[in-house]
Protein backbone atom coordinates (compact mmCIF):
# COMPACT_ATOMS: atom_id res chain seq x y z
CA MET A 1 0.07 -0.19 0.12
CA GLY A 2 2.88 2.15 0.71
CA GLU A 3 6.65 3.08 0.07
CA ALA A 4 9.40 3.38 2.99
CA LYS A 5 8.45 7.37 3.34
CA GLN A 6 4.53 7.42 1.97
CA LEU A 7 1.49 5.76 2.50
CA LEU A 8 -1.38 6.36 0.29
CA LEU A 9 -4.59 5.57 2.24
CA PRO A 10 -7.32 4.16 -0.04
CA GLU A 11 -11.09 5.72 0.46
CA GLN A 12 -12.83 3.85 3.04
CA LYS A 13 -16.67 3.49 1.87
CA HIS A 14 -18.03 1.02 4.51
CA ILE A 15 -17.34 2.71 7.72
CA ARG A 16 -19.33 4.26 10.41
CA SER A 17 -21.13 7.86 9.27
CA SER A 18 -22.66 8.07 12.89
CA ALA A 19 -20.81 11.45 14.24
CA GLU A 20 -21.46 9.32 17.84
CA ARG A 21 -19.27 6.74 17.39
CA LEU A 22 -15.85 6.01 15.68
CA SER A 23 -15.20 4.48 12.36
CA GLY A 24 -14.88 1.18 13.31
CA LEU A 25 -11.41 0.77 12.08
CA ARG A 26 -8.35 0.40 13.40
CA TYR A 27 -4.94 1.69 11.41
CA ILE A 28 -1.69 -0.25 11.79
CA HIS A 29 1.50 0.51 9.83
CA THR A 30 5.16 0.09 9.97
CA HIS A 31 7.88 2.56 10.62
CA LEU A 32 11.13 1.74 9.39
CA ASP A 33 13.40 4.53 10.52
CA GLY A 34 12.32 4.39 14.43
CA GLU A 35 10.16 7.62 14.06
CA PRO A 36 7.21 8.45 16.32
CA LEU A 37 3.56 8.93 15.08
CA SER A 38 4.04 11.65 12.36
CA LYS A 39 1.76 14.91 12.17
CA GLU A 40 0.12 13.31 9.00
CA ASP A 41 -0.74 9.93 10.95
CA LEU A 42 -1.87 12.08 13.66
CA THR A 43 -3.93 14.17 10.70
CA ASP A 44 -5.48 10.87 9.08
CA LEU A 45 -6.46 9.78 12.86
CA ALA A 46 -8.52 12.49 13.43
CA LEU A 47 -9.90 13.16 10.08
CA LEU A 48 -11.02 9.70 9.25
CA ARG A 49 -12.12 8.92 13.20
CA PHE A 50 -9.95 5.64 13.44
CA ASP A 51 -10.82 3.65 16.61
CA CYS A 52 -6.83 3.99 17.11
CA ILE A 53 -3.64 4.45 15.02
CA LEU A 54 -0.51 2.51 15.39
CA ALA A 55 2.97 2.49 14.07
CA VAL A 56 4.95 -0.64 14.41
CA GLU A 57 8.40 0.14 14.79
CA VAL A 58 10.42 -2.21 12.50
CA ASP A 59 14.41 -2.72 12.74
CA SER A 60 16.78 -3.62 9.47
CA GLN A 61 16.18 -7.60 9.98
CA GLY A 62 12.20 -6.36 9.63
CA LEU A 63 11.75 -7.54 13.49
CA ALA A 64 9.02 -5.52 15.32
CA GLN A 65 10.26 -3.24 17.80
CA ARG A 66 8.48 -0.71 19.71
CA VAL A 67 4.82 0.10 19.24
CA HIS A 68 3.52 4.06 19.12
CA ILE A 69 -0.20 4.39 19.67
CA ALA A 70 -3.07 7.08 19.65
CA ASN A 71 -6.65 7.59 19.84
CA LEU A 72 -9.05 10.36 19.67
CA VAL A 73 -10.20 12.02 23.13
CA PRO A 74 -13.50 13.29 24.30
CA GLY A 75 -14.26 16.83 24.71
CA GLY A 76 -13.51 20.27 22.81
CA ASP A 77 -11.86 21.66 25.89
CA THR A 78 -8.09 20.31 24.76
CA GLU A 79 -5.33 21.86 22.70
CA GLN A 80 -5.51 18.78 20.39
CA PRO A 81 -8.03 15.98 20.00
CA TRP A 82 -5.96 12.98 20.37
CA ARG A 83 -4.17 10.93 23.28
CA LEU A 84 -0.83 9.98 22.23
CA TRP A 85 0.65 6.70 24.50
CA ASP A 86 3.89 5.90 25.75
CA PRO A 87 5.83 3.61 23.70
CA LEU A 88 5.54 0.01 24.31
CA PRO A 89 7.57 -3.15 23.59
CA VAL A 90 5.38 -5.26 20.96
CA SER A 91 5.43 -7.93 23.73
CA ALA A 92 3.59 -5.55 26.36
CA PHE A 93 1.00 -4.49 24.02
CA PRO A 94 -2.40 -5.36 25.72
CA THR A 95 -3.96 -7.09 23.11
CA ARG A 96 -6.51 -8.98 25.48
CA ASP A 97 -8.08 -5.96 26.68
CA PHE A 98 -8.02 -3.52 23.76
CA SER A 99 -11.38 -3.95 22.52
CA GLU A 100 -12.53 -2.76 25.72
CA THR A 101 -10.61 -0.23 25.68
CA ILE A 102 -12.12 1.26 22.45
CA ARG A 103 -15.73 0.30 23.44
CA ASN A 104 -15.24 2.12 27.11
CA LEU A 105 -13.88 5.07 24.37
CA GLU A 106 -16.98 5.07 22.61
CA LYS A 107 -18.93 5.19 25.94
CA GLU A 108 -16.93 8.45 26.90
CA PHE A 109 -17.87 10.16 23.52
CA ALA A 110 -21.61 9.08 23.77
CA ARG A 111 -21.56 11.18 27.24
CA SER A 112 -19.90 13.88 26.61
CA GLY A 113 -20.47 14.67 23.01
CA PRO A 114 -19.92 13.56 19.15
CA VAL A 115 -16.59 12.27 17.82
CA PRO A 116 -15.15 15.35 16.10
CA LEU A 117 -15.95 15.38 12.41
CA GLY A 118 -14.84 18.99 11.73
CA LYS A 119 -18.47 20.15 11.20
CA PRO A 120 -20.90 21.61 14.16
CA SER A 121 -22.87 19.31 16.43
CA GLU A 122 -25.67 21.32 17.23
CA PRO A 123 -27.60 23.27 14.84
CA GLY A 124 -27.19 26.95 14.61
CA PRO A 125 -24.75 29.37 12.74
CA GLU A 126 -21.93 27.91 10.73
CA ARG A 127 -18.86 27.90 12.01
CA VAL A 128 -15.82 28.78 9.32
CA LEU A 129 -12.06 29.33 8.99
CA LEU A 130 -10.71 32.09 7.08
CA VAL A 131 -7.55 31.93 5.12
CA GLY A 132 -5.30 34.12 3.30
CA VAL A 133 -2.04 34.23 1.03
CA ALA A 134 -0.04 36.78 1.21
CA THR A 135 2.28 37.23 -1.42
CA GLY A 136 3.46 40.65 -1.60
CA ILE A 137 2.76 43.32 1.03
CA LEU A 138 2.04 41.70 4.34
CA SER A 139 -0.28 44.88 5.70
CA GLU A 140 -2.17 44.88 2.47
CA ALA A 141 -3.19 41.20 3.34
CA GLU A 142 -4.01 41.61 6.71
CA GLU A 143 -6.07 44.07 5.81
CA SER A 144 -8.01 42.38 3.22
CA LEU A 145 -8.34 39.02 5.41
CA HIS A 146 -9.70 41.47 8.34
CA GLU A 147 -12.43 43.00 5.63
CA LEU A 148 -13.55 39.04 4.68
CA GLU A 149 -14.11 38.70 8.31
CA ALA A 150 -16.63 41.66 8.30
CA LEU A 151 -17.85 40.34 5.18
CA ALA A 152 -18.32 36.45 6.97
CA GLU A 153 -19.86 37.70 10.03
CA SER A 154 -22.24 40.31 8.09
CA SER A 155 -23.54 36.88 6.26
CA GLY A 156 -24.38 35.16 9.63
CA VAL A 157 -21.48 32.59 10.06
CA ILE A 158 -19.21 32.47 13.13
CA VAL A 159 -15.41 33.35 12.23
CA VAL A 160 -13.65 30.95 14.69
CA ASP A 161 -10.19 31.70 13.33
CA SER A 162 -8.44 33.47 10.49
CA VAL A 163 -5.00 32.34 9.30
CA LEU A 164 -2.64 33.88 6.60
CA GLN A 165 0.22 32.43 5.25
CA ARG A 166 2.71 34.13 3.31
CA ARG A 167 4.24 32.75 0.21
CA PRO A 168 6.12 33.63 -2.80
CA SER A 169 3.26 32.42 -4.68
CA VAL A 170 -0.19 30.92 -4.60
CA HIS A 171 -0.05 27.11 -4.72
CA PRO A 172 -1.62 26.19 -7.80
CA GLN A 173 -3.47 23.25 -6.42
CA PHE A 174 -4.01 23.97 -2.74
CA VAL A 175 -3.48 27.64 -2.71
CA VAL A 176 -1.93 27.46 0.23
CA GLY A 177 0.58 25.14 1.03
CA LEU A 178 -0.19 21.17 1.71
CA GLY A 179 1.32 21.53 5.27
CA LYS A 180 -0.73 24.22 6.22
CA ILE A 181 -3.97 22.32 4.27
CA LYS A 182 -3.23 19.64 6.94
CA GLU A 183 -3.09 21.95 9.50
CA LEU A 184 -6.15 23.66 8.97
CA VAL A 185 -7.55 20.05 8.94
CA ILE A 186 -6.94 19.94 12.53
CA GLN A 187 -8.01 23.30 13.29
CA ALA A 188 -11.29 22.63 11.93
CA LEU A 189 -11.59 19.70 13.90
CA GLN A 190 -10.51 21.53 17.32
CA THR A 191 -13.09 24.03 16.38
CA GLY A 192 -16.26 22.83 14.99
CA ALA A 193 -15.75 24.40 11.78
CA GLY A 194 -17.33 23.19 8.71
CA MET A 195 -16.13 25.60 6.18
CA ILE A 196 -12.96 27.15 4.79
CA ILE A 197 -13.54 30.76 3.08
CA PHE A 198 -10.49 31.72 1.09
CA ASP A 199 -9.61 35.49 0.73
CA ARG A 200 -9.42 35.07 -3.17
CA ASN A 201 -11.09 33.43 -5.62
CA LEU A 202 -10.44 30.14 -6.28
CA THR A 203 -10.86 27.62 -9.57
CA ALA A 204 -12.93 24.96 -9.98
CA ALA A 205 -9.64 22.52 -9.57
CA GLN A 206 -8.77 24.22 -6.50
CA VAL A 207 -11.99 24.05 -5.12
CA ARG A 208 -11.96 20.35 -5.88
CA SER A 209 -8.10 19.56 -4.33
CA VAL A 210 -8.96 21.26 -1.02
CA SER A 211 -12.26 19.81 -0.60
CA ASP A 212 -11.29 16.35 -1.43
CA LEU A 213 -8.13 16.84 1.17
CA THR A 214 -10.10 18.51 3.84
CA ASP A 215 -13.69 16.95 3.59
CA LEU A 216 -15.08 20.35 4.21
CA LYS A 217 -16.96 23.15 2.43
CA ILE A 218 -15.15 25.47 0.77
CA LEU A 219 -15.83 29.06 -0.72
CA ASP A 220 -14.04 31.50 -2.02
CA ARG A 221 -14.26 35.69 -1.54
CA THR A 222 -16.33 35.89 -4.69
CA GLN A 223 -18.89 33.36 -3.52
CA LEU A 224 -19.49 34.83 -0.22
CA ILE A 225 -20.34 38.18 -1.66
CA LEU A 226 -22.76 36.28 -3.99
CA HIS A 227 -24.44 34.80 -0.87
CA ILE A 228 -24.23 38.20 0.95
CA PHE A 229 -26.27 39.83 -2.21
CA ALA A 230 -28.61 36.88 -2.34
CA GLN A 231 -29.58 37.21 1.26
CA ARG A 232 -30.22 40.93 1.10
CA ALA A 233 -31.93 41.26 -2.21
CA ARG A 234 -35.76 42.05 -1.45
CA THR A 235 -37.20 43.10 -4.82
CA ARG A 236 -37.38 41.33 -7.85
CA ASP A 237 -35.11 43.50 -9.53
CA GLY A 238 -32.26 42.81 -7.47
CA LYS A 239 -33.05 39.12 -7.01
CA ILE A 240 -33.07 38.94 -10.76
CA GLN A 241 -29.54 40.80 -10.81
CA VAL A 242 -28.10 38.25 -8.08
CA GLU A 243 -29.27 35.24 -9.59
CA LEU A 244 -27.57 36.25 -12.79
CA ALA A 245 -24.45 36.85 -11.17
CA GLN A 246 -24.61 33.66 -9.26
CA LEU A 247 -25.13 31.76 -12.31
CA ARG A 248 -22.62 33.34 -14.69
CA TYR A 249 -19.96 32.71 -11.66
CA ARG A 250 -20.91 29.21 -11.59
CA LEU A 251 -21.44 27.99 -15.04
CA PRO A 252 -17.80 27.43 -15.97
CA ARG A 253 -17.19 25.66 -11.95
CA LEU A 254 -19.93 23.01 -12.77
CA MET A 255 -18.49 19.95 -12.22
CA HIS A 256 -19.25 16.33 -10.89
CA ARG A 257 -16.87 13.75 -9.40
CA THR A 258 -18.17 10.53 -11.11
CA THR A 259 -20.03 9.55 -14.41
CA GLY A 260 -22.76 7.68 -12.17
CA LEU A 261 -25.53 9.78 -13.36
CA SER A 262 -25.01 9.54 -17.24
CA ARG A 263 -27.48 8.06 -19.09
CA LEU A 264 -27.58 5.98 -22.19
CA ALA A 265 -29.15 7.78 -25.35
CA GLY A 266 -32.12 6.61 -26.43
CA GLY A 267 -33.86 5.10 -29.26
CA ILE A 268 -32.59 3.60 -32.35
CA GLY A 269 -28.39 4.03 -32.84
CA GLY A 270 -27.94 4.80 -29.59
CA LEU A 271 -24.41 3.07 -29.09
CA GLY A 272 -23.18 4.95 -26.37
CA PRO A 273 -23.29 7.18 -23.50
CA GLY A 274 -25.85 10.22 -24.06
CA GLU A 275 -25.77 13.54 -22.36
CA THR A 276 -24.35 13.53 -18.71
CA LYS A 277 -25.58 15.07 -15.67
CA LEU A 278 -23.07 17.56 -15.96
CA GLU A 279 -23.90 18.50 -19.76
CA ILE A 280 -27.43 19.03 -18.60
CA ASP A 281 -26.59 21.40 -15.64
CA ARG A 282 -24.65 23.37 -17.80
CA ARG A 283 -27.43 23.51 -20.50
CA ARG A 284 -30.27 24.69 -17.93
CA ALA A 285 -27.65 27.12 -16.65
CA ARG A 286 -27.13 28.87 -20.11
CA GLU A 287 -30.95 28.64 -20.73
CA ARG A 288 -31.45 30.34 -17.32
CA ILE A 289 -28.91 32.81 -18.03
CA HIS A 290 -30.66 33.67 -21.45
CA ARG A 291 -34.12 34.16 -19.96
CA LEU A 292 -32.27 36.17 -16.84
CA GLU A 293 -30.66 38.32 -19.55
CA LYS A 294 -34.37 39.09 -21.20
CA GLU A 295 -35.44 40.32 -18.18
CA VAL A 296 -32.46 42.49 -17.20
CA GLU A 297 -32.93 44.33 -20.67
CA ARG A 298 -36.47 44.79 -20.03
CA LEU A 299 -35.67 46.15 -16.53
CA ARG A 300 -32.94 48.75 -18.28
CA LYS A 301 -35.80 49.81 -20.76
CA GLU A 302 -38.14 50.39 -17.86
CA ARG A 303 -35.99 52.44 -16.08
CA SER A 304 -34.62 54.45 -19.24
CA VAL A 305 -38.47 55.51 -19.35
CA GLN A 306 -38.54 56.56 -15.86
CA ARG A 307 -35.51 59.11 -16.37
CA ALA A 308 -37.07 60.39 -19.44
CA LEU A 309 -39.96 61.15 -17.51
CA ARG A 310 -37.91 62.83 -14.69
CA THR A 311 -36.30 64.76 -17.52
CA ARG A 312 -39.56 66.22 -18.82
CA ASN A 313 -40.55 67.16 -15.34
CA ARG A 314 -36.77 68.62 -14.88
CA LEU A 315 -36.73 66.99 -11.70
CA PRO A 316 -32.40 66.54 -11.08
CA LEU A 317 -31.45 62.87 -9.15
CA VAL A 318 -28.58 63.52 -6.72
CA CYS A 319 -27.28 59.62 -6.01
CA ILE A 320 -25.39 58.33 -2.93
CA VAL A 321 -22.41 56.36 -3.56
CA GLY A 322 -19.60 54.75 -1.66
CA TYR A 323 -17.99 51.88 -0.22
CA THR A 324 -20.20 49.51 1.71
CA ASN A 325 -20.97 50.15 5.70
CA ALA A 326 -19.60 53.76 4.98
CA GLY A 327 -23.43 55.13 6.06
CA LYS A 328 -24.95 55.90 2.99
CA SER A 329 -28.65 54.97 4.18
CA THR A 330 -28.09 56.61 7.45
CA LEU A 331 -27.46 59.64 5.31
CA LEU A 332 -30.49 59.38 3.23
CA ASN A 333 -32.58 58.72 6.54
CA SER A 334 -31.28 62.07 7.83
CA LEU A 335 -31.47 63.88 4.71
CA THR A 336 -34.95 63.05 3.77
CA ARG A 337 -36.44 62.23 7.12
CA SER A 338 -37.12 58.53 5.56
CA ARG A 339 -36.79 55.51 7.30
CA VAL A 340 -34.76 53.04 4.91
CA TYR A 341 -33.28 49.99 6.54
CA THR A 342 -29.65 50.66 8.06
CA ALA A 343 -27.26 48.34 10.28
CA HIS A 344 -23.83 48.39 11.01
CA ARG A 345 -22.92 45.41 8.81
CA MET A 346 -21.68 45.56 4.98
CA PHE A 347 -24.32 45.42 2.06
CA ALA A 348 -26.65 45.68 4.57
CA THR A 349 -29.03 47.13 1.94
CA LEU A 350 -28.90 46.27 -2.06
CA ASP A 351 -32.20 47.77 -3.53
CA LEU A 352 -31.95 51.34 -4.70
CA SER A 353 -34.15 53.76 -2.14
CA THR A 354 -35.36 57.28 -3.66
CA ARG A 355 -36.85 59.79 -1.70
CA ARG A 356 -37.64 63.42 -2.19
CA LEU A 357 -35.62 66.30 -0.91
CA HIS A 358 -36.24 70.01 -0.52
CA LEU A 359 -33.19 72.19 -1.21
CA PRO A 360 -33.77 75.95 0.32
CA GLY A 361 -33.24 78.36 -2.66
CA TYR A 362 -33.42 75.89 -5.24
CA GLY A 363 -36.24 73.33 -5.33
CA GLU A 364 -36.98 69.96 -5.04
CA ILE A 365 -34.93 67.00 -5.87
CA LEU A 366 -34.48 63.27 -5.81
CA VAL A 367 -31.99 61.42 -3.51
CA THR A 368 -31.15 58.10 -4.56
CA ASP A 369 -28.93 55.10 -2.38
CA THR A 370 -26.84 52.96 -4.32
CA VAL A 371 -25.71 49.49 -3.65
CA GLY A 372 -22.20 50.04 -1.77
CA PHE A 373 -18.96 48.93 -3.47
CA ILE A 374 -16.05 47.15 -2.36
CA ARG A 375 -12.72 45.94 -3.36
CA ASP A 376 -12.37 42.88 -5.74
CA LEU A 377 -16.26 43.67 -6.65
CA PRO A 378 -16.86 40.34 -8.57
CA PRO A 379 -17.24 41.63 -12.12
CA ASP A 380 -20.35 39.23 -12.88
CA LEU A 381 -21.59 41.32 -10.10
CA ILE A 382 -21.21 44.49 -11.69
CA ALA A 383 -22.66 43.36 -15.18
CA ALA A 384 -25.87 41.90 -13.61
CA PHE A 385 -26.13 45.43 -11.81
CA ARG A 386 -25.66 47.62 -14.46
CA ALA A 387 -29.13 47.94 -15.59
CA THR A 388 -29.78 49.32 -12.09
CA LEU A 389 -26.30 51.75 -11.75
CA GLU A 390 -27.33 53.37 -15.02
CA GLU A 391 -29.61 55.32 -13.11
CA LEU A 392 -26.25 57.20 -12.03
CA GLN A 393 -25.73 58.03 -15.42
CA GLU A 394 -28.28 60.84 -15.47
CA ALA A 395 -27.23 62.23 -12.24
CA PRO A 396 -26.02 66.04 -12.32
CA LEU A 397 -24.25 65.25 -9.04
CA LEU A 398 -22.87 62.34 -6.73
CA LEU A 399 -22.25 62.32 -3.11
CA HIS A 400 -19.45 60.07 -2.35
CA VAL A 401 -19.58 58.96 1.17
CA ILE A 402 -16.36 58.14 2.71
CA ASP A 403 -15.92 56.38 6.34
CA GLY A 404 -13.71 59.01 7.76
CA SER A 405 -12.93 56.97 10.67
CA SER A 406 -11.73 53.55 8.84
CA ARG A 407 -7.85 52.99 8.64
CA SER A 408 -8.24 51.70 5.12
CA CYS A 409 -10.04 55.09 3.93
CA GLU A 410 -7.90 56.17 1.51
CA LYS A 411 -7.85 52.78 -0.20
CA GLN A 412 -11.55 52.41 -0.17
CA ILE A 413 -11.74 56.02 -2.14
CA ALA A 414 -9.37 54.44 -4.79
CA ALA A 415 -11.80 51.56 -4.91
CA VAL A 416 -14.78 53.38 -5.54
CA ASP A 417 -12.76 55.72 -7.97
CA SER A 418 -11.92 52.87 -9.89
CA LEU A 419 -15.42 51.03 -9.98
CA LEU A 420 -17.05 54.36 -11.23
CA GLY A 421 -14.39 54.78 -13.69
CA GLU A 422 -15.41 51.20 -15.04
CA LEU A 423 -19.47 52.36 -15.00
CA GLY A 424 -17.88 55.33 -17.14
CA LEU A 425 -19.14 57.73 -14.14
CA HIS A 426 -15.74 59.44 -13.85
CA HIS A 427 -16.77 62.55 -15.80
CA ILE A 428 -19.91 63.22 -13.40
CA PRO A 429 -19.11 65.90 -10.53
CA ARG A 430 -18.61 64.72 -6.98
CA LEU A 431 -18.90 66.11 -3.38
CA ASN A 432 -16.65 64.05 -1.09
CA VAL A 433 -18.47 63.57 2.21
CA PHE A 434 -16.28 62.33 5.30
CA ASN A 435 -18.83 60.17 7.58
CA LYS A 436 -18.74 59.52 11.36
CA SER A 437 -16.81 62.52 12.09
CA ASP A 438 -18.27 61.44 15.92
CA ILE A 439 -15.54 58.77 16.09
CA ALA A 440 -13.21 59.96 13.62
CA ASP A 441 -9.31 61.24 14.53
CA PRO A 442 -10.13 64.90 14.39
CA LEU A 443 -6.41 65.98 12.69
CA GLU A 444 -6.73 62.90 10.70
CA LEU A 445 -10.05 64.00 9.30
CA ALA A 446 -9.01 67.58 8.73
CA ASN A 447 -6.22 66.40 6.61
CA LEU A 448 -8.43 64.19 4.62
CA CYS A 449 -10.87 67.17 3.94
CA ARG A 450 -8.29 69.07 2.61
CA ARG A 451 -6.55 66.51 0.29
CA TYR A 452 -9.83 65.58 -1.29
CA ASP A 453 -11.83 68.89 -1.10
CA GLY A 454 -14.17 66.81 1.29
CA LEU A 455 -17.05 67.61 3.94
CA PRO A 456 -16.94 66.42 7.40
CA VAL A 457 -20.30 65.06 8.53
CA CYS A 458 -22.20 62.81 11.09
CA ALA A 459 -25.46 61.26 9.06
CA LEU A 460 -26.89 60.35 12.67
CA ASP A 461 -27.14 63.91 13.38
CA PRO A 462 -29.37 65.56 10.79
CA SER A 463 -28.89 68.76 12.66
CA ALA A 464 -25.34 68.89 11.84
CA LEU A 465 -26.02 68.65 8.10
CA LYS A 466 -26.47 71.80 7.15
CA PRO A 467 -23.22 72.64 5.13
CA LEU A 468 -23.57 69.32 3.05
CA ILE A 469 -26.98 70.48 2.31
CA GLN A 470 -25.86 74.02 1.18
CA ARG A 471 -22.70 72.37 -0.65
CA VAL A 472 -25.06 70.45 -2.71
CA THR A 473 -27.47 73.29 -3.53
CA SER A 474 -24.11 75.39 -4.76
CA SER A 475 -22.95 72.34 -6.98
CA LEU A 476 -27.06 71.75 -8.19
CA LEU A 477 -26.62 76.00 -8.96
CA ALA A 478 -23.05 75.95 -10.42
CA GLY A 479 -24.45 73.25 -13.08
CA SER A 480 -27.71 74.61 -13.73
CA GLU A 481 -26.76 75.51 -17.29
CA ARG A 482 -26.25 71.42 -18.05
CA LEU A 483 -29.77 70.96 -16.03
CA GLN A 484 -31.05 72.97 -18.37
CA GLY A 485 -33.08 75.17 -16.05
CA GLY A 486 -34.26 72.93 -13.52
CA ARG A 487 -34.57 75.05 -10.37
CA GLY A 488 -37.80 76.32 -9.37
CA ALA A 489 -39.72 74.36 -11.87
CA HIS A 490 -43.43 73.37 -11.12
CA LEU A 491 -43.62 69.26 -10.23
CA ASP A 492 -46.18 67.03 -10.43
CA TRP A 493 -45.60 64.32 -8.31
CA LYS A 494 -48.23 61.91 -9.29
CA ALA A 495 -46.40 61.60 -12.26
CA VAL A 496 -42.84 60.85 -11.09
CA PRO A 497 -41.82 57.48 -10.45
CA LEU A 498 -39.83 57.00 -7.05
């Protein structure tokens, strides 16, 4: 089954699958160099739930010498889920009482809890491990992993730990090193984690390799963001766009591990295997994508009609953009005295919200809150939401809301600028609004406002927004020629879509 330095375990199909019991198998092998149980041995013990693992030292004559034994232990409060026995001579091995020892061990597991399986034993929020790879500047990788933790917590899971490995390059098969993957398996067993989330996009081959080796659910950054969007979408428009983005991302990654679900071609002349389950799934995904693209195109036409109606009524639209969790919806509520849902978490709201606002000395305008941006926003998601974000094309002014208290403030500004450029919105006048002035460092906030010609505000305090309203009014008045005399026009609100 193996060589002097390596042993590849065959797949075990007929073992106990109950989390309350051990597998019923005992793993016995030889060590030719007199070494104790290795880390790989203990990983196999924990992952496959062997009754025990036993390594027999063999001398140069092929004679058995000492025996090294380890078994799993009940309870999750220990630093490692196994117990190492003291080495024993072969002649001293307790052969008669060993079966009784294993039965007593299973009784202890029955009293204290399930055998570790790398998955939570009780229903509730899923427990996950976060994994990042630093191939460049370490601080940037740490910031990205911290942001991934905020995303994961926003999705409703429990983050038990995060791991960052420095490497010259990403491993083409396992993303991180093989040794680190084995450490993650042990860590998952100790903490009850059933999922690993990587802080980068993975190929289908990488997902399959890591999943086969760890027997855990594997997600990447894009899948996590798409999952959050699917949770938050409330309107039909949002649900269609999120589903389209998910299908576009999953289509090239569809795979099945066996051909057991293939079928034979029917009728005369059917000489071989017909359409496989994988081909059926891909065909259905393409058909669904085609239907959703038609729906998105219909939404685009409807929104263009609404924009034309607003143009006829000479009603300017000011759009609030910015990084996720910067306080865009809170600012909308404070400006317009509305009650749009807000929460201190990433992507709390996805659907567009439009409200009326009266500007002294100018008149009525519409203020729209848009979906939040983030670094490395999935291209499929940008493409799917392009129909919605086309609302920004007609806006005479963008309010760029920035979290002034964030240590990554300038990187977030750069990420939003980049995404606006991809959407072709870089030409629209922009007013930088540095939010959360109540918790930001005053000196740093003042420097940021000078550098980016911004305005400090606290969106939670409507009474402190007077300078912002004045800046918005002056900006719209300065662009009144482009708005074709929108100031002071009579508005028929029954005809204006909100």
